[in-house]
Amino acid sequence: MAIAFRAAARAEVTSSSITITKPTGTVDDDAMVAQIYIETSNNPPTGLSAPSGWVLKQSGLASTSFWFGVYRKVASGEGANYQWSWTGNIYATGIIGSWSGCDTTEPVDTSAFGTSASGSTITYPAVTTSVANTVIVACGASFAGASSAPSTFSTANQPTYSGAMYY
């Protein structure tokens, strides 16, 4: 089965938690990738807690003032939304994208983390996949407004500020 993008969902808060709705049409065995962006200088954010079943694949401080984490999960009969929490009333955004046709044992083959961003231009690091039938997902965040998709990528979710997901 070919890998196919299903949908994405996004949330934005100033709070001690963020709840993101499961993307529309997501069914059991779909692979989900979540990007969480929290304005903090702590790595990881103080008191950070992810929803059950979500595996942290890559994280770090993308500047001196925001933390960025990428998680993965295979859908399996859970509820309609997912909540990450931390200590303090902080600005955060999150995006979840879902794909069908992925490996359900380990849907994320490899990951890379880049920290260079200038304005709304995000420089994505190169990745080399090690398995066939792979889709590359790029997650990014910008303080300066909407970023642009890397060439040859489609947009899964593009808000006007801080956080984008491309495939």
Foldseek 3Di string as FASTA:
>chain_A
DAKDWDAKWKDKFQAQKTKTFDGPPQDAQWKKKKKKKWFAQDVVAAAKDWFPAWAWADWDALDNTMIITMTMGGDDPDDGMIMIGHDHRTIMMMMMIIMPDADRVDRDQHDDDHNDDDQQEDDGDDDDGDDPNHDDKDKFFHQNFWHDDDPPWAWRDIDGHTMTMID
